[in-house]
Amino acid sequence: MNQEHVKQLLTQLHTELAGTEEVDGELKSLLQNLNKDIHQVLNSEQQHDDPVYAALSERSVSLSAKFAAEHPKLEPVLRELASMLAKIGV
């Protein structure tokens, strides 16, 4: 259930992002990398102790802070995503 919720949040994030006027190239790249890493973790049957994935929730929180000023609609989704990642142990 939690993994499905994370996937739904990622979909919502992409929808919100598509409706946003313009996103800084660096932030867009950070979001794409986070998205890729989250999907790899969710689709993996292995333990999530790989250092690449160890800080996904912290990365999500950091991105939400960066988006808060320029893209306030995206910030709550990123914050909730970070919370869900922490709950599933990522």
C-alpha atoms as a PDB file:
ATOM      1  CA  MET A   1       0.000   0.000   0.000  1.00  0.00           C
ATOM      2  CA  ASN A   2       2.721   2.516   0.934  1.00  0.00           C
ATOM      3  CA  GLN A   3       4.653   1.797  -2.251  1.00  0.00           C
ATOM      4  CA  GLU A   4       1.517   2.378  -4.308  1.00  0.00           C
ATOM      5  CA  HIS A   5       0.989   5.672  -2.513  1.00  0.00           C
ATOM      6  CA  VAL A   6       4.570   6.699  -3.329  1.00  0.00           C
ATOM      7  CA  LYS A   7       3.951   5.874  -6.994  1.00  0.00           C
ATOM      8  CA  GLN A   8       0.744   7.934  -6.910  1.00  0.00           C
ATOM      9  CA  LEU A   9       2.651  10.855  -5.394  1.00  0.00           C
ATOM     10  CA  LEU A  10       5.267  10.609  -8.142  1.00  0.00           C
ATOM     11  CA  THR A  11       2.509  10.700 -10.750  1.00  0.00           C
ATOM     12  CA  GLN A  12       0.930  13.698  -9.032  1.00  0.00           C
ATOM     13  CA  LEU A  13       4.314  15.418  -8.903  1.00  0.00           C
ATOM     14  CA  HIS A  14       4.807  14.911 -12.635  1.00  0.00           C
ATOM     15  CA  THR A  15       1.312  16.239 -13.342  1.00  0.00           C
ATOM     16  CA  GLU A  16       1.940  19.339 -11.223  1.00  0.00           C
ATOM     17  CA  LEU A  17       5.355  19.786 -12.825  1.00  0.00           C
ATOM     18  CA  ALA A  18       3.853  19.617 -16.313  1.00  0.00           C
ATOM     19  CA  GLY A  19       1.435  22.390 -15.375  1.00  0.00           C
ATOM     20  CA  THR A  20       4.186  24.598 -13.972  1.00  0.00           C
ATOM     21  CA  GLU A  21       5.333  27.430 -16.193  1.00  0.00           C
ATOM     22  CA  GLU A  22       9.078  26.944 -16.027  1.00  0.00           C
ATOM     23  CA  VAL A  23      11.346  24.908 -13.809  1.00  0.00           C
ATOM     24  CA  ASP A  24      15.028  25.616 -13.408  1.00  0.00           C
ATOM     25  CA  GLY A  25      17.144  23.087 -15.337  1.00  0.00           C
ATOM     26  CA  GLU A  26      19.106  22.066 -12.245  1.00  0.00           C
ATOM     27  CA  LEU A  27      15.966  21.433 -10.184  1.00  0.00           C
ATOM     28  CA  LYS A  28      14.406  19.511 -13.057  1.00  0.00           C
ATOM     29  CA  SER A  29      17.499  17.316 -13.253  1.00  0.00           C
ATOM     30  CA  LEU A  30      17.431  16.727  -9.482  1.00  0.00           C
ATOM     31  CA  LEU A  31      13.773  15.708  -9.694  1.00  0.00           C
ATOM     32  CA  GLN A  32      14.452  13.339 -12.582  1.00  0.00           C
ATOM     33  CA  ASN A  33      17.308  11.681 -10.674  1.00  0.00           C
ATOM     34  CA  LEU A  34      15.188  11.367  -7.541  1.00  0.00           C
ATOM     35  CA  ASN A  35      12.341   9.879  -9.562  1.00  0.00           C
ATOM     36  CA  LYS A  36      14.656   7.332 -11.194  1.00  0.00           C
ATOM     37  CA  ASP A  37      16.179   6.309  -7.861  1.00  0.00           C
ATOM     38  CA  ILE A  38      12.773   5.969  -6.188  1.00  0.00           C
ATOM     39  CA  HIS A  39      11.480   3.759  -8.984  1.00  0.00           C
ATOM     40  CA  GLN A  40      14.603   1.585  -8.764  1.00  0.00           C
ATOM     41  CA  VAL A  41      14.084   1.112  -5.030  1.00  0.00           C
ATOM     42  CA  LEU A  42      10.378   0.383  -5.373  1.00  0.00           C
ATOM     43  CA  ASN A  43      10.961  -2.154  -8.143  1.00  0.00           C
ATOM     44  CA  SER A  44      13.853  -3.849  -6.355  1.00  0.00           C
ATOM     45  CA  GLU A  45      13.374  -6.951  -4.255  1.00  0.00           C
ATOM     46  CA  GLN A  46      16.704  -6.354  -2.540  1.00  0.00           C
ATOM     47  CA  GLN A  47      17.282  -4.544   0.717  1.00  0.00           C
ATOM     48  CA  HIS A  48      17.290  -0.780   0.440  1.00  0.00           C
ATOM     49  CA  ASP A  49      20.676  -0.328   2.118  1.00  0.00           C
ATOM     50  CA  ASP A  50      22.502   0.864  -1.003  1.00  0.00           C
ATOM     51  CA  PRO A  51      24.074   4.277  -0.278  1.00  0.00           C
ATOM     52  CA  VAL A  52      22.458   5.686  -3.444  1.00  0.00           C
ATOM     53  CA  TYR A  53      19.033   5.140  -1.900  1.00  0.00           C
ATOM     54  CA  ALA A  54      19.843   5.720   1.750  1.00  0.00           C
ATOM     55  CA  ALA A  55      18.943   9.393   1.677  1.00  0.00           C
ATOM     56  CA  LEU A  56      15.988   9.500  -0.728  1.00  0.00           C
ATOM     57  CA  SER A  57      13.613  10.983   1.821  1.00  0.00           C
ATOM     58  CA  GLU A  58      16.199  13.617   2.775  1.00  0.00           C
ATOM     59  CA  ARG A  59      16.720  14.451  -0.895  1.00  0.00           C
ATOM     60  CA  SER A  60      12.978  14.848  -1.302  1.00  0.00           C
ATOM     61  CA  VAL A  61      12.812  17.202   1.700  1.00  0.00           C
ATOM     62  CA  SER A  62      15.697  19.225   0.306  1.00  0.00           C
ATOM     63  CA  LEU A  63      13.966  19.532  -3.067  1.00  0.00           C
ATOM     64  CA  SER A  64      10.716  20.567  -1.420  1.00  0.00           C
ATOM     65  CA  ALA A  65      12.550  23.432   0.290  1.00  0.00           C
ATOM     66  CA  LYS A  66      14.016  24.538  -3.037  1.00  0.00           C
ATOM     67  CA  PHE A  67      10.618  24.410  -4.721  1.00  0.00           C
ATOM     68  CA  ALA A  68       8.728  26.125  -1.890  1.00  0.00           C
ATOM     69  CA  ALA A  69       9.497  29.661  -2.993  1.00  0.00           C
ATOM     70  CA  GLU A  70       9.268  29.306  -6.762  1.00  0.00           C
ATOM     71  CA  HIS A  71       6.739  26.474  -7.138  1.00  0.00           C
ATOM     72  CA  PRO A  72       4.552  26.330  -4.018  1.00  0.00           C
ATOM     73  CA  LYS A  73       2.178  23.762  -5.558  1.00  0.00           C
ATOM     74  CA  LEU A  74       4.989  21.199  -5.811  1.00  0.00           C
ATOM     75  CA  GLU A  75       6.339  21.590  -2.288  1.00  0.00           C
ATOM     76  CA  PRO A  76       3.533  19.762  -0.420  1.00  0.00           C
ATOM     77  CA  VAL A  77       3.757  16.791  -2.798  1.00  0.00           C
ATOM     78  CA  LEU A  78       7.525  16.540  -2.302  1.00  0.00           C
ATOM     79  CA  ARG A  79       7.111  16.836   1.470  1.00  0.00           C
ATOM     80  CA  GLU A  80       4.516  14.047   1.517  1.00  0.00           C
ATOM     81  CA  LEU A  81       6.738  11.955  -0.756  1.00  0.00           C
ATOM     82  CA  ALA A  82       9.623  12.331   1.697  1.00  0.00           C
ATOM     83  CA  SER A  83       7.345  11.267   4.534  1.00  0.00           C
ATOM     84  CA  MET A  84       6.152   8.172   2.652  1.00  0.00           C
ATOM     85  CA  LEU A  85       9.713   7.200   1.731  1.00  0.00           C
ATOM     86  CA  ALA A  86      10.706   7.401   5.377  1.00  0.00           C
ATOM     87  CA  LYS A  87       7.717   5.249   6.356  1.00  0.00           C
ATOM     88  CA  ILE A  88       8.660   2.469   3.938  1.00  0.00           C
ATOM     89  CA  GLY A  89      12.243   2.535   5.139  1.00  0.00           C
ATOM     90  CA  VAL A  90      13.907   4.266   2.214  1.00  0.00           C
END
